[in-house]
């Protein structure tokens, strides 16, 4: 369900099949409508919007996040990490841990003795 209009009803059906509870919850909380109170055409546009909004559970489920957060929360977490690092003495900086994020932040590839190859789907 990209922004270019491809996928259509089949893509909407896949999202509704895999993530029905998230779609119903987000429609009610973020959009203020119920699943059965909107037309299919309107539902298509609402779900497209939910897939772009980091506050929605649909976005979190599709992108393998643990929980949804706003973009402002992500910015504040980054600023907190920078502030903590800047105001911590050098000898204690190695013990600092970043603010937890809902997505995987550590590098999965590269580094010493890590010759893990990526699959074509990941590339």
PDB file of N, CA and C in Angstrom:
ATOM      1  N   UNK A   1       0.839  -1.179   0.000  1.00  0.00           N
ATOM      2  CA  UNK A   1       0.000   0.000   0.000  1.00  0.00           C
ATOM      3  C   UNK A   1       0.879   1.234   0.000  1.00  0.00           C
ATOM      4  N   UNK A   2       1.545   1.462  -1.078  1.00  0.00           N
ATOM      5  CA  UNK A   2       2.387   2.638  -1.172  1.00  0.00           C
ATOM      6  C   UNK A   2       1.586   3.868  -1.505  1.00  0.00           C
ATOM      7  N   UNK A   3       2.255   4.999  -1.474  1.00  0.00           N
ATOM      8  CA  UNK A   3       1.607   6.255  -1.767  1.00  0.00           C
ATOM      9  C   UNK A   3       1.316   6.453  -3.242  1.00  0.00           C
ATOM     10  N   UNK A   4       1.808   5.531  -4.091  1.00  0.00           N
ATOM     11  CA  UNK A   4       1.614   5.683  -5.533  1.00  0.00           C
ATOM     12  C   UNK A   4       0.292   5.082  -6.008  1.00  0.00           C
ATOM     13  N   UNK A   5      -0.511   4.533  -5.107  1.00  0.00           N
ATOM     14  CA  UNK A   5      -1.811   4.006  -5.481  1.00  0.00           C
ATOM     15  C   UNK A   5      -1.796   2.551  -5.892  1.00  0.00           C
ATOM     16  N   UNK A   6      -0.635   1.879  -5.835  1.00  0.00           N
ATOM     17  CA  UNK A   6      -0.577   0.472  -6.211  1.00  0.00           C
ATOM     18  C   UNK A   6      -1.017  -0.396  -5.048  1.00  0.00           C
ATOM     19  N   UNK A   7      -1.435  -1.581  -5.340  1.00  0.00           N
ATOM     20  CA  UNK A   7      -1.839  -2.518  -4.305  1.00  0.00           C
ATOM     21  C   UNK A   7      -3.334  -2.618  -4.197  1.00  0.00           C
ATOM     22  N   UNK A   8      -3.997  -1.512  -4.039  1.00  0.00           N
ATOM     23  CA  UNK A   8      -5.444  -1.449  -4.021  1.00  0.00           C
ATOM     24  C   UNK A   8      -6.103  -2.285  -2.963  1.00  0.00           C
ATOM     25  N   UNK A   9      -7.203  -2.893  -3.359  1.00  0.00           N
ATOM     26  CA  UNK A   9      -8.042  -3.626  -2.432  1.00  0.00           C
ATOM     27  C   UNK A   9      -7.337  -4.865  -1.880  1.00  0.00           C
ATOM     28  N   UNK A  10      -6.448  -5.472  -2.671  1.00  0.00           N
ATOM     29  CA  UNK A  10      -5.717  -6.648  -2.199  1.00  0.00           C
ATOM     30  C   UNK A  10      -4.773  -6.270  -1.058  1.00  0.00           C
ATOM     31  N   UNK A  11      -4.082  -5.146  -1.188  1.00  0.00           N
ATOM     32  CA  UNK A  11      -3.182  -4.693  -0.127  1.00  0.00           C
ATOM     33  C   UNK A  11      -3.968  -4.317   1.121  1.00  0.00           C
ATOM     34  N   UNK A  12      -5.106  -3.668   0.947  1.00  0.00           N
ATOM     35  CA  UNK A  12      -5.964  -3.324   2.081  1.00  0.00           C
ATOM     36  C   UNK A  12      -6.444  -4.598   2.770  1.00  0.00           C
ATOM     37  N   UNK A  13      -6.820  -5.591   1.987  1.00  0.00           N
ATOM     38  CA  UNK A  13      -7.249  -6.871   2.550  1.00  0.00           C
ATOM     39  C   UNK A  13      -6.154  -7.562   3.341  1.00  0.00           C
ATOM     40  N   UNK A  14      -4.899  -7.505   2.832  1.00  0.00           N
ATOM     41  CA  UNK A  14      -3.780  -8.110   3.555  1.00  0.00           C
ATOM     42  C   UNK A  14      -3.560  -7.415   4.896  1.00  0.00           C
ATOM     43  N   UNK A  15      -3.616  -6.087   4.901  1.00  0.00           N
ATOM     44  CA  UNK A  15      -3.419  -5.353   6.154  1.00  0.00           C
ATOM     45  C   UNK A  15      -4.549  -5.668   7.122  1.00  0.00           C
ATOM     46  N   UNK A  16      -5.779  -5.701   6.637  1.00  0.00           N
ATOM     47  CA  UNK A  16      -6.913  -6.008   7.513  1.00  0.00           C
ATOM     48  C   UNK A  16      -6.872  -7.445   8.021  1.00  0.00           C
ATOM     49  N   UNK A  17      -6.373  -8.361   7.214  1.00  0.00           N
ATOM     50  CA  UNK A  17      -6.285  -9.755   7.637  1.00  0.00           C
ATOM     51  C   UNK A  17      -5.216  -9.937   8.711  1.00  0.00           C
ATOM     52  N   UNK A  18      -4.045  -9.355   8.492  1.00  0.00           N
ATOM     53  CA  UNK A  18      -2.932  -9.543   9.424  1.00  0.00           C
ATOM     54  C   UNK A  18      -3.055  -8.687  10.681  1.00  0.00           C
ATOM     55  N   UNK A  19      -3.602  -7.493  10.559  1.00  0.00           N
ATOM     56  CA  UNK A  19      -3.567  -6.529  11.668  1.00  0.00           C
ATOM     57  C   UNK A  19      -4.947  -5.917  11.932  1.00  0.00           C
ATOM     58  N   UNK A  20      -5.968  -6.747  11.970  1.00  0.00           N
ATOM     59  CA  UNK A  20      -7.339  -6.230  12.136  1.00  0.00           C
ATOM     60  C   UNK A  20      -7.516  -5.475  13.449  1.00  0.00           C
ATOM     61  N   UNK A  21      -7.039  -6.021  14.548  1.00  0.00           N
ATOM     62  CA  UNK A  21      -7.254  -5.355  15.833  1.00  0.00           C
ATOM     63  C   UNK A  21      -6.538  -4.008  15.888  1.00  0.00           C
ATOM     64  N   UNK A  22      -5.340  -3.926  15.308  1.00  0.00           N
ATOM     65  CA  UNK A  22      -4.611  -2.656  15.286  1.00  0.00           C
ATOM     66  C   UNK A  22      -5.340  -1.621  14.432  1.00  0.00           C
ATOM     67  N   UNK A  23      -5.868  -2.059  13.287  1.00  0.00           N
ATOM     68  CA  UNK A  23      -6.596  -1.139  12.407  1.00  0.00           C
ATOM     69  C   UNK A  23      -7.844  -0.621  13.103  1.00  0.00           C
ATOM     70  N   UNK A  24      -8.608  -1.516  13.729  1.00  0.00           N
ATOM     71  CA  UNK A  24      -9.834  -1.110  14.418  1.00  0.00           C
ATOM     72  C   UNK A  24      -9.514  -0.132  15.543  1.00  0.00           C
ATOM     73  N   UNK A  25      -8.492  -0.422  16.330  1.00  0.00           N
ATOM     74  CA  UNK A  25      -8.120   0.454  17.440  1.00  0.00           C
ATOM     75  C   UNK A  25      -7.680   1.831  16.931  1.00  0.00           C
ATOM     76  N   UNK A  26      -6.804   1.855  15.931  1.00  0.00           N
ATOM     77  CA  UNK A  26      -6.304   3.124  15.409  1.00  0.00           C
ATOM     78  C   UNK A  26      -7.402   3.945  14.750  1.00  0.00           C
ATOM     79  N   UNK A  27      -8.302   3.285  14.032  1.00  0.00           N
ATOM     80  CA  UNK A  27      -9.409   4.021  13.423  1.00  0.00           C
ATOM     81  C   UNK A  27     -10.257   4.685  14.496  1.00  0.00           C
ATOM     82  N   UNK A  28     -10.494   3.973  15.580  1.00  0.00           N
ATOM     83  CA  UNK A  28     -11.332   4.518  16.643  1.00  0.00           C
ATOM     84  C   UNK A  28     -10.601   5.626  17.401  1.00  0.00           C
ATOM     85  N   UNK A  29      -9.353   5.411  17.757  1.00  0.00           N
ATOM     86  CA  UNK A  29      -8.635   6.363  18.607  1.00  0.00           C
ATOM     87  C   UNK A  29      -8.062   7.542  17.812  1.00  0.00           C
ATOM     88  N   UNK A  30      -7.343   7.249  16.725  1.00  0.00           N
ATOM     89  CA  UNK A  30      -6.667   8.318  15.990  1.00  0.00           C
ATOM     90  C   UNK A  30      -7.574   9.022  14.983  1.00  0.00           C
ATOM     91  N   UNK A  31      -8.513   8.275  14.380  1.00  0.00           N
ATOM     92  CA  UNK A  31      -9.364   8.867  13.344  1.00  0.00           C
ATOM     93  C   UNK A  31     -10.767   9.196  13.837  1.00  0.00           C
ATOM     94  N   UNK A  32     -11.204   8.579  14.913  1.00  0.00           N
ATOM     95  CA  UNK A  32     -12.516   8.860  15.469  1.00  0.00           C
ATOM     96  C   UNK A  32     -13.670   8.213  14.725  1.00  0.00           C
ATOM     97  N   UNK A  33     -13.398   7.165  13.964  1.00  0.00           N
ATOM     98  CA  UNK A  33     -14.452   6.456  13.239  1.00  0.00           C
ATOM     99  C   UNK A  33     -14.317   4.961  13.500  1.00  0.00           C
ATOM    100  N   UNK A  34     -15.375   4.229  13.257  1.00  0.00           N
ATOM    101  CA  UNK A  34     -15.342   2.782  13.383  1.00  0.00           C
ATOM    102  C   UNK A  34     -15.046   2.132  12.038  1.00  0.00           C
ATOM    103  N   UNK A  35     -14.620   0.889  12.076  1.00  0.00           N
ATOM    104  CA  UNK A  35     -14.281   0.171  10.844  1.00  0.00           C
ATOM    105  C   UNK A  35     -15.489   0.035   9.931  1.00  0.00           C
ATOM    106  N   UNK A  36     -16.654  -0.210  10.491  1.00  0.00           N
ATOM    107  CA  UNK A  36     -17.839  -0.458   9.676  1.00  0.00           C
ATOM    108  C   UNK A  36     -18.593   0.818   9.322  1.00  0.00           C
ATOM    109  N   UNK A  37     -18.157   1.953   9.831  1.00  0.00           N
ATOM    110  CA  UNK A  37     -18.866   3.205   9.543  1.00  0.00           C
ATOM    111  C   UNK A  37     -18.245   3.992   8.398  1.00  0.00           C
ATOM    112  N   UNK A  38     -17.230   3.440   7.748  1.00  0.00           N
ATOM    113  CA  UNK A  38     -16.602   4.134   6.618  1.00  0.00           C
ATOM    114  C   UNK A  38     -16.708   3.280   5.367  1.00  0.00           C
ATOM    115  N   UNK A  39     -16.690   3.925   4.217  1.00  0.00           N
ATOM    116  CA  UNK A  39     -16.723   3.184   2.957  1.00  0.00           C
ATOM    117  C   UNK A  39     -15.343   2.597   2.682  1.00  0.00           C
ATOM    118  N   UNK A  40     -15.300   1.659   1.753  1.00  0.00           N
ATOM    119  CA  UNK A  40     -14.023   1.020   1.416  1.00  0.00           C
ATOM    120  C   UNK A  40     -13.050   2.043   0.847  1.00  0.00           C
ATOM    121  N   UNK A  41     -13.543   2.962   0.038  1.00  0.00           N
ATOM    122  CA  UNK A  41     -12.679   3.989  -0.545  1.00  0.00           C
ATOM    123  C   UNK A  41     -12.064   4.855   0.551  1.00  0.00           C
ATOM    124  N   UNK A  42     -12.892   5.260   1.516  1.00  0.00           N
ATOM    125  CA  UNK A  42     -12.379   6.081   2.610  1.00  0.00           C
ATOM    126  C   UNK A  42     -11.445   5.270   3.498  1.00  0.00           C
ATOM    127  N   UNK A  43     -11.778   3.996   3.716  1.00  0.00           N
ATOM    128  CA  UNK A  43     -10.932   3.123   4.523  1.00  0.00           C
ATOM    129  C   UNK A  43      -9.549   2.993   3.904  1.00  0.00           C
ATOM    130  N   UNK A  44      -9.485   2.917   2.582  1.00  0.00           N
ATOM    131  CA  UNK A  44      -8.216   2.833   1.865  1.00  0.00           C
ATOM    132  C   UNK A  44      -7.323   4.020   2.219  1.00  0.00           C
ATOM    133  N   UNK A  45      -7.879   5.220   2.181  1.00  0.00           N
ATOM    134  CA  UNK A  45      -7.094   6.419   2.480  1.00  0.00           C
ATOM    135  C   UNK A  45      -6.741   6.512   3.961  1.00  0.00           C
ATOM    136  N   UNK A  46      -7.654   6.109   4.839  1.00  0.00           N
ATOM    137  CA  UNK A  46      -7.365   6.142   6.269  1.00  0.00           C
ATOM    138  C   UNK A  46      -6.238   5.172   6.636  1.00  0.00           C
ATOM    139  N   UNK A  47      -6.272   3.970   6.076  1.00  0.00           N
ATOM    140  CA  UNK A  47      -5.226   2.986   6.368  1.00  0.00           C
ATOM    141  C   UNK A  47      -3.894   3.432   5.781  1.00  0.00           C
ATOM    142  N   UNK A  48      -3.907   4.058   4.609  1.00  0.00           N
ATOM    143  CA  UNK A  48      -2.664   4.618   4.066  1.00  0.00           C
ATOM    144  C   UNK A  48      -2.073   5.644   5.022  1.00  0.00           C
ATOM    145  N   UNK A  49      -2.938   6.479   5.591  1.00  0.00           N
ATOM    146  CA  UNK A  49      -2.470   7.464   6.559  1.00  0.00           C
ATOM    147  C   UNK A  49      -1.930   6.820   7.822  1.00  0.00           C
ATOM    148  N   UNK A  50      -2.590   5.759   8.291  1.00  0.00           N
ATOM    149  CA  UNK A  50      -2.123   5.063   9.482  1.00  0.00           C
ATOM    150  C   UNK A  50      -0.767   4.399   9.255  1.00  0.00           C
ATOM    151  N   UNK A  51      -0.529   3.935   8.036  1.00  0.00           N
ATOM    152  CA  UNK A  51       0.752   3.303   7.719  1.00  0.00           C
ATOM    153  C   UNK A  51       1.906   4.307   7.663  1.00  0.00           C
ATOM    154  N   UNK A  52       1.599   5.586   7.598  1.00  0.00           N
ATOM    155  CA  UNK A  52       2.630   6.625   7.588  1.00  0.00           C
ATOM    156  C   UNK A  52       2.792   7.305   8.938  1.00  0.00           C
ATOM    157  N   UNK A  53       1.860   7.065   9.865  1.00  0.00           N
ATOM    158  CA  UNK A  53       1.851   7.732  11.159  1.00  0.00           C
ATOM    159  C   UNK A  53       2.533   6.847  12.196  1.00  0.00           C
ATOM    160  N   UNK A  54       3.634   7.317  12.769  1.00  0.00           N
ATOM    161  CA  UNK A  54       4.384   6.508  13.733  1.00  0.00           C
ATOM    162  C   UNK A  54       3.640   6.328  15.054  1.00  0.00           C
ATOM    163  N   UNK A  55       2.564   7.081  15.275  1.00  0.00           N
ATOM    164  CA  UNK A  55       1.773   6.934  16.497  1.00  0.00           C
ATOM    165  C   UNK A  55       0.790   5.775  16.420  1.00  0.00           C
ATOM    166  N   UNK A  56       0.608   5.168  15.257  1.00  0.00           N
ATOM    167  CA  UNK A  56      -0.417   4.132  15.096  1.00  0.00           C
ATOM    168  C   UNK A  56       0.156   2.735  15.344  1.00  0.00           C
ATOM    169  N   UNK A  57      -0.692   1.891  15.894  1.00  0.00           N
ATOM    170  CA  UNK A  57      -0.308   0.501  16.129  1.00  0.00           C
ATOM    171  C   UNK A  57      -0.145  -0.250  14.815  1.00  0.00           C
ATOM    172  N   UNK A  58      -0.845   0.182  13.780  1.00  0.00           N
ATOM    173  CA  UNK A  58      -0.692  -0.453  12.461  1.00  0.00           C
ATOM    174  C   UNK A  58       0.731  -0.227  11.961  1.00  0.00           C
ATOM    175  N   UNK A  59       1.211   1.006  12.043  1.00  0.00           N
ATOM    176  CA  UNK A  59       2.587   1.316  11.632  1.00  0.00           C
ATOM    177  C   UNK A  59       3.579   0.477  12.436  1.00  0.00           C
ATOM    178  N   UNK A  60       3.367   0.405  13.750  1.00  0.00           N
ATOM    179  CA  UNK A  60       4.277  -0.355  14.605  1.00  0.00           C
ATOM    180  C   UNK A  60       4.270  -1.841  14.237  1.00  0.00           C
ATOM    181  N   UNK A  61       3.107  -2.402  13.968  1.00  0.00           N
ATOM    182  CA  UNK A  61       3.020  -3.826  13.639  1.00  0.00           C
ATOM    183  C   UNK A  61       3.658  -4.131  12.284  1.00  0.00           C
ATOM    184  N   UNK A  62       3.413  -3.286  11.296  1.00  0.00           N
ATOM    185  CA  UNK A  62       3.952  -3.530   9.959  1.00  0.00           C
ATOM    186  C   UNK A  62       5.470  -3.383   9.943  1.00  0.00           C
ATOM    187  N   UNK A  63       6.010  -2.462  10.734  1.00  0.00           N
ATOM    188  CA  UNK A  63       7.446  -2.193  10.748  1.00  0.00           C
ATOM    189  C   UNK A  63       8.191  -2.904  11.867  1.00  0.00           C
ATOM    190  N   UNK A  64       7.553  -3.869  12.530  1.00  0.00           N
ATOM    191  CA  UNK A  64       8.158  -4.675  13.597  1.00  0.00           C
ATOM    192  C   UNK A  64       8.672  -3.838  14.761  1.00  0.00           C
ATOM    193  N   UNK A  65       7.933  -2.820  15.141  1.00  0.00           N
ATOM    194  CA  UNK A  65       8.250  -2.047  16.339  1.00  0.00           C
ATOM    195  C   UNK A  65       7.549  -2.701  17.520  1.00  0.00           C
ATOM    196  N   UNK A  66       8.075  -2.503  18.712  1.00  0.00           N
ATOM    197  CA  UNK A  66       7.445  -3.044  19.915  1.00  0.00           C
ATOM    198  C   UNK A  66       6.200  -2.249  20.296  1.00  0.00           C
ATOM    199  N   UNK A  67       6.223  -0.954  20.075  1.00  0.00           N
ATOM    200  CA  UNK A  67       5.103  -0.078  20.416  1.00  0.00           C
ATOM    201  C   UNK A  67       5.196   1.185  19.571  1.00  0.00           C
ATOM    202  N   UNK A  68       4.083   1.890  19.367  1.00  0.00           N
ATOM    203  CA  UNK A  68       4.129   3.115  18.561  1.00  0.00           C
ATOM    204  C   UNK A  68       4.564   4.319  19.393  1.00  0.00           C
ATOM    205  N   UNK A  69       5.262   5.239  18.760  1.00  0.00           N
ATOM    206  CA  UNK A  69       5.659   6.499  19.400  1.00  0.00           C
ATOM    207  C   UNK A  69       5.517   7.612  18.375  1.00  0.00           C
ATOM    208  N   UNK A  70       5.391   8.821  18.864  1.00  0.00           N
ATOM    209  CA  UNK A  70       5.289   9.955  17.946  1.00  0.00           C
ATOM    210  C   UNK A  70       6.673  10.356  17.463  1.00  0.00           C
ATOM    211  N   UNK A  71       6.714  11.124  16.404  1.00  0.00           N
ATOM    212  CA  UNK A  71       7.995  11.629  15.906  1.00  0.00           C
ATOM    213  C   UNK A  71       8.633  12.561  16.916  1.00  0.00           C
ATOM    214  N   UNK A  72       7.803  13.292  17.661  1.00  0.00           N
ATOM    215  CA  UNK A  72       8.320  14.176  18.694  1.00  0.00           C
ATOM    216  C   UNK A  72       8.993  13.375  19.806  1.00  0.00           C
ATOM    217  N   UNK A  73       8.430  12.207  20.136  1.00  0.00           N
ATOM    218  CA  UNK A  73       9.036  11.352  21.149  1.00  0.00           C
ATOM    219  C   UNK A  73      10.403  10.870  20.688  1.00  0.00           C
ATOM    220  N   UNK A  74      10.501  10.488  19.427  1.00  0.00           N
ATOM    221  CA  UNK A  74      11.793  10.048  18.891  1.00  0.00           C
ATOM    222  C   UNK A  74      12.822  11.160  18.953  1.00  0.00           C
ATOM    223  N   UNK A  75      12.415  12.370  18.603  1.00  0.00           N
ATOM    224  CA  UNK A  75      13.312  13.516  18.662  1.00  0.00           C
ATOM    225  C   UNK A  75      13.740  13.791  20.105  1.00  0.00           C
ATOM    226  N   UNK A  76      12.795  13.740  21.040  1.00  0.00           N
ATOM    227  CA  UNK A  76      13.119  13.986  22.445  1.00  0.00           C
ATOM    228  C   UNK A  76      14.069  12.911  22.987  1.00  0.00           C
ATOM    229  N   UNK A  77      13.878  11.663  22.586  1.00  0.00           N
ATOM    230  CA  UNK A  77      14.773  10.592  23.033  1.00  0.00           C
ATOM    231  C   UNK A  77      16.184  10.809  22.498  1.00  0.00           C
ATOM    232  N   UNK A  78      16.304  11.224  21.241  1.00  0.00           N
ATOM    233  CA  UNK A  78      17.618  11.524  20.678  1.00  0.00           C
ATOM    234  C   UNK A  78      18.282  12.681  21.411  1.00  0.00           C
ATOM    235  N   UNK A  79      17.512  13.717  21.696  1.00  0.00           N
ATOM    236  CA  UNK A  79      18.062  14.866  22.419  1.00  0.00           C
ATOM    237  C   UNK A  79      18.465  14.486  23.837  1.00  0.00           C
ATOM    238  N   UNK A  80      17.692  13.627  24.479  1.00  0.00           N
ATOM    239  CA  UNK A  80      18.046  13.158  25.809  1.00  0.00           C
ATOM    240  C   UNK A  80      19.380  12.426  25.778  1.00  0.00           C
ATOM    241  N   UNK A  81      19.579  11.557  24.783  1.00  0.00           N
ATOM    242  CA  UNK A  81      20.831  10.817  24.677  1.00  0.00           C
ATOM    243  C   UNK A  81      22.016  11.753  24.461  1.00  0.00           C
ATOM    244  N   UNK A  82      21.846  12.734  23.587  1.00  0.00           N
ATOM    245  CA  UNK A  82      22.923  13.692  23.323  1.00  0.00           C
ATOM    246  C   UNK A  82      23.223  14.511  24.577  1.00  0.00           C
ATOM    247  N   UNK A  83      22.187  14.963  25.271  1.00  0.00           N
ATOM    248  CA  UNK A  83      22.356  15.751  26.486  1.00  0.00           C
ATOM    249  C   UNK A  83      23.082  14.938  27.560  1.00  0.00           C
ATOM    250  N   UNK A  84      22.673  13.685  27.733  1.00  0.00           N
ATOM    251  CA  UNK A  84      23.301  12.833  28.745  1.00  0.00           C
ATOM    252  C   UNK A  84      24.772  12.598  28.429  1.00  0.00           C
ATOM    253  N   UNK A  85      25.082  12.367  27.159  1.00  0.00           N
ATOM    254  CA  UNK A  85      26.475  12.136  26.772  1.00  0.00           C
ATOM    255  C   UNK A  85      27.314  13.400  26.951  1.00  0.00           C
ATOM    256  N   UNK A  86      26.758  14.549  26.615  1.00  0.00           N
ATOM    257  CA  UNK A  86      27.502  15.799  26.722  1.00  0.00           C
ATOM    258  C   UNK A  86      27.761  16.189  28.169  1.00  0.00           C
ATOM    259  N   UNK A  87      26.894  15.793  29.089  1.00  0.00           N
ATOM    260  CA  UNK A  87      27.025  16.196  30.489  1.00  0.00           C
ATOM    261  C   UNK A  87      27.519  15.084  31.398  1.00  0.00           C
ATOM    262  N   UNK A  88      28.085  14.051  30.819  1.00  0.00           N
ATOM    263  CA  UNK A  88      28.649  12.953  31.592  1.00  0.00           C
ATOM    264  C   UNK A  88      30.164  12.988  31.443  1.00  0.00           C
ATOM    265  N   UNK A  89      30.897  12.841  32.544  1.00  0.00           N
ATOM    266  CA  UNK A  89      32.366  12.811  32.427  1.00  0.00           C
ATOM    267  C   UNK A  89      32.823  11.678  31.515  1.00  0.00           C
ATOM    268  N   UNK A  90      33.955  11.910  30.862  1.00  0.00           N
ATOM    269  CA  UNK A  90      34.473  10.951  29.872  1.00  0.00           C
ATOM    270  C   UNK A  90      34.613   9.543  30.439  1.00  0.00           C
ATOM    271  N   UNK A  91      35.051   9.426  31.689  1.00  0.00           N
ATOM    272  CA  UNK A  91      35.310   8.085  32.225  1.00  0.00           C
ATOM    273  C   UNK A  91      34.023   7.289  32.451  1.00  0.00           C
ATOM    274  N   UNK A  92      32.872   7.946  32.512  1.00  0.00           N
ATOM    275  CA  UNK A  92      31.596   7.247  32.706  1.00  0.00           C
ATOM    276  C   UNK A  92      30.780   7.104  31.425  1.00  0.00           C
ATOM    277  N   UNK A  93      31.247   7.663  30.332  1.00  0.00           N
ATOM    278  CA  UNK A  93      30.457   7.638  29.098  1.00  0.00           C
ATOM    279  C   UNK A  93      30.298   6.239  28.528  1.00  0.00           C
ATOM    280  N   UNK A  94      31.246   5.358  28.797  1.00  0.00           N
ATOM    281  CA  UNK A  94      31.121   3.996  28.277  1.00  0.00           C
ATOM    282  C   UNK A  94      29.969   3.234  28.930  1.00  0.00           C
ATOM    283  N   UNK A  95      29.585   3.647  30.129  1.00  0.00           N
ATOM    284  CA  UNK A  95      28.500   2.951  30.828  1.00  0.00           C
ATOM    285  C   UNK A  95      27.117   3.519  30.477  1.00  0.00           C
ATOM    286  N   UNK A  96      27.081   4.592  29.709  1.00  0.00           N
ATOM    287  CA  UNK A  96      25.790   5.168  29.314  1.00  0.00           C
ATOM    288  C   UNK A  96      25.064   4.250  28.346  1.00  0.00           C
ATOM    289  N   UNK A  97      23.774   4.126  28.529  1.00  0.00           N
ATOM    290  CA  UNK A  97      22.951   3.370  27.597  1.00  0.00           C
ATOM    291  C   UNK A  97      21.935   4.325  26.990  1.00  0.00           C
ATOM    292  N   UNK A  98      21.658   4.196  25.702  1.00  0.00           N
ATOM    293  CA  UNK A  98      20.687   5.103  25.082  1.00  0.00           C
ATOM    294  C   UNK A  98      19.272   4.830  25.590  1.00  0.00           C
ATOM    295  N   UNK A  99      18.439   5.839  25.475  1.00  0.00           N
ATOM    296  CA  UNK A  99      17.028   5.704  25.838  1.00  0.00           C
ATOM    297  C   UNK A  99      16.417   4.596  24.983  1.00  0.00           C
ATOM    298  N   UNK A 100      15.628   3.695  25.558  1.00  0.00           N
ATOM    299  CA  UNK A 100      15.095   2.575  24.767  1.00  0.00           C
ATOM    300  C   UNK A 100      14.210   3.035  23.609  1.00  0.00           C
ATOM    301  N   UNK A 101      14.380   2.399  22.473  1.00  0.00           N
ATOM    302  CA  UNK A 101      13.589   2.699  21.286  1.00  0.00           C
ATOM    303  C   UNK A 101      12.686   1.507  20.988  1.00  0.00           C
ATOM    304  N   UNK A 102      11.582   1.729  20.277  1.00  0.00           N
ATOM    305  CA  UNK A 102      10.683   0.612  19.965  1.00  0.00           C
ATOM    306  C   UNK A 102      11.187  -0.279  18.835  1.00  0.00           C
ATOM    307  N   UNK A 103      12.287   0.105  18.204  1.00  0.00           N
ATOM    308  CA  UNK A 103      12.816  -0.653  17.078  1.00  0.00           C
ATOM    309  C   UNK A 103      14.242  -1.062  17.382  1.00  0.00           C
ATOM    310  N   UNK A 104      14.765  -1.983  16.595  1.00  0.00           N
ATOM    311  CA  UNK A 104      16.118  -2.478  16.792  1.00  0.00           C
ATOM    312  C   UNK A 104      17.110  -1.388  16.412  1.00  0.00           C
ATOM    313  N   UNK A 105      18.025  -1.041  17.328  1.00  0.00           N
ATOM    314  CA  UNK A 105      18.955   0.047  17.067  1.00  0.00           C
ATOM    315  C   UNK A 105      20.387  -0.416  16.848  1.00  0.00           C
ATOM    316  N   UNK A 106      20.756  -1.577  17.356  1.00  0.00           N
ATOM    317  CA  UNK A 106      22.135  -2.011  17.187  1.00  0.00           C
ATOM    318  C   UNK A 106      22.385  -2.498  15.770  1.00  0.00           C
ATOM    319  N   UNK A 107      23.631  -2.397  15.354  1.00  0.00           N
ATOM    320  CA  UNK A 107      23.988  -2.841  14.012  1.00  0.00           C
ATOM    321  C   UNK A 107      23.959  -4.354  13.960  1.00  0.00           C
ATOM    322  N   UNK A 108      23.370  -4.874  12.905  1.00  0.00           N
ATOM    323  CA  UNK A 108      23.299  -6.326  12.766  1.00  0.00           C
ATOM    324  C   UNK A 108      24.401  -6.873  11.878  1.00  0.00           C
ATOM    325  N   UNK A 109      25.032  -6.021  11.126  1.00  0.00           N
ATOM    326  CA  UNK A 109      26.031  -6.489  10.172  1.00  0.00           C
ATOM    327  C   UNK A 109      27.282  -5.647  10.298  1.00  0.00           C
ATOM    328  N   UNK A 110      28.380  -6.212   9.877  1.00  0.00           N
ATOM    329  CA  UNK A 110      29.641  -5.481   9.915  1.00  0.00           C
ATOM    330  C   UNK A 110      30.311  -5.620  11.263  1.00  0.00           C
ATOM    331  N   UNK A 111      31.431  -4.953  11.413  1.00  0.00           N
ATOM    332  CA  UNK A 111      32.171  -5.024  12.663  1.00  0.00           C
ATOM    333  C   UNK A 111      33.118  -6.201  12.667  1.00  0.00           C
ATOM    334  N   UNK A 112      33.762  -6.385  13.779  1.00  0.00           N
ATOM    335  CA  UNK A 112      34.759  -7.451  13.885  1.00  0.00           C
ATOM    336  C   UNK A 112      34.112  -8.826  13.977  1.00  0.00           C
ATOM    337  N   UNK A 113      34.622  -9.725  13.199  1.00  0.00           N
ATOM    338  CA  UNK A 113      34.219 -11.135  13.216  1.00  0.00           C
ATOM    339  C   UNK A 113      32.728 -11.332  13.020  1.00  0.00           C
ATOM    340  N   UNK A 114      32.095 -10.404  12.321  1.00  0.00           N
ATOM    341  CA  UNK A 114      30.671 -10.547  12.016  1.00  0.00           C
ATOM    342  C   UNK A 114      30.520 -10.583  10.500  1.00  0.00           C
ATOM    343  N   UNK A 115      30.532 -11.744   9.960  1.00  0.00           N
ATOM    344  CA  UNK A 115      30.426 -11.903   8.515  1.00  0.00           C
ATOM    345  C   UNK A 115      29.045 -12.410   8.128  1.00  0.00           C
ATOM    346  N   UNK A 116      28.048 -11.922   8.790  1.00  0.00           N
ATOM    347  CA  UNK A 116      26.682 -12.318   8.507  1.00  0.00           C
ATOM    348  C   UNK A 116      26.236 -11.684   7.190  1.00  0.00           C
ATOM    349  N   UNK A 117      25.767 -12.489   6.269  1.00  0.00           N
ATOM    350  CA  UNK A 117      25.331 -11.948   4.989  1.00  0.00           C
ATOM    351  C   UNK A 117      23.860 -11.596   5.038  1.00  0.00           C
ATOM    352  N   UNK A 118      23.508 -10.521   4.357  1.00  0.00           N
ATOM    353  CA  UNK A 118      22.105 -10.103   4.288  1.00  0.00           C
ATOM    354  C   UNK A 118      21.388 -10.870   3.189  1.00  0.00           C
ATOM    355  N   UNK A 119      20.111 -11.107   3.432  1.00  0.00           N
ATOM    356  CA  UNK A 119      19.303 -11.770   2.421  1.00  0.00           C
ATOM    357  C   UNK A 119      18.920 -10.752   1.347  1.00  0.00           C
ATOM    358  N   UNK A 120      18.550 -11.198   0.158  1.00  0.00           N
ATOM    359  CA  UNK A 120      18.121 -10.251  -0.892  1.00  0.00           C
ATOM    360  C   UNK A 120      16.937  -9.395  -0.465  1.00  0.00           C
ATOM    361  N   UNK A 121      16.050  -9.941   0.367  1.00  0.00           N
ATOM    362  CA  UNK A 121      14.900  -9.160   0.828  1.00  0.00           C
ATOM    363  C   UNK A 121      15.341  -8.002   1.727  1.00  0.00           C
ATOM    364  N   UNK A 122      16.376  -8.221   2.537  1.00  0.00           N
ATOM    365  CA  UNK A 122      16.875  -7.166   3.421  1.00  0.00           C
ATOM    366  C   UNK A 122      17.619  -6.089   2.652  1.00  0.00           C
ATOM    367  N   UNK A 123      18.292  -6.497   1.574  1.00  0.00           N
ATOM    368  CA  UNK A 123      19.033  -5.530   0.768  1.00  0.00           C
ATOM    369  C   UNK A 123      18.043  -4.644   0.058  1.00  0.00           C
TER     370      UNK A 123
END
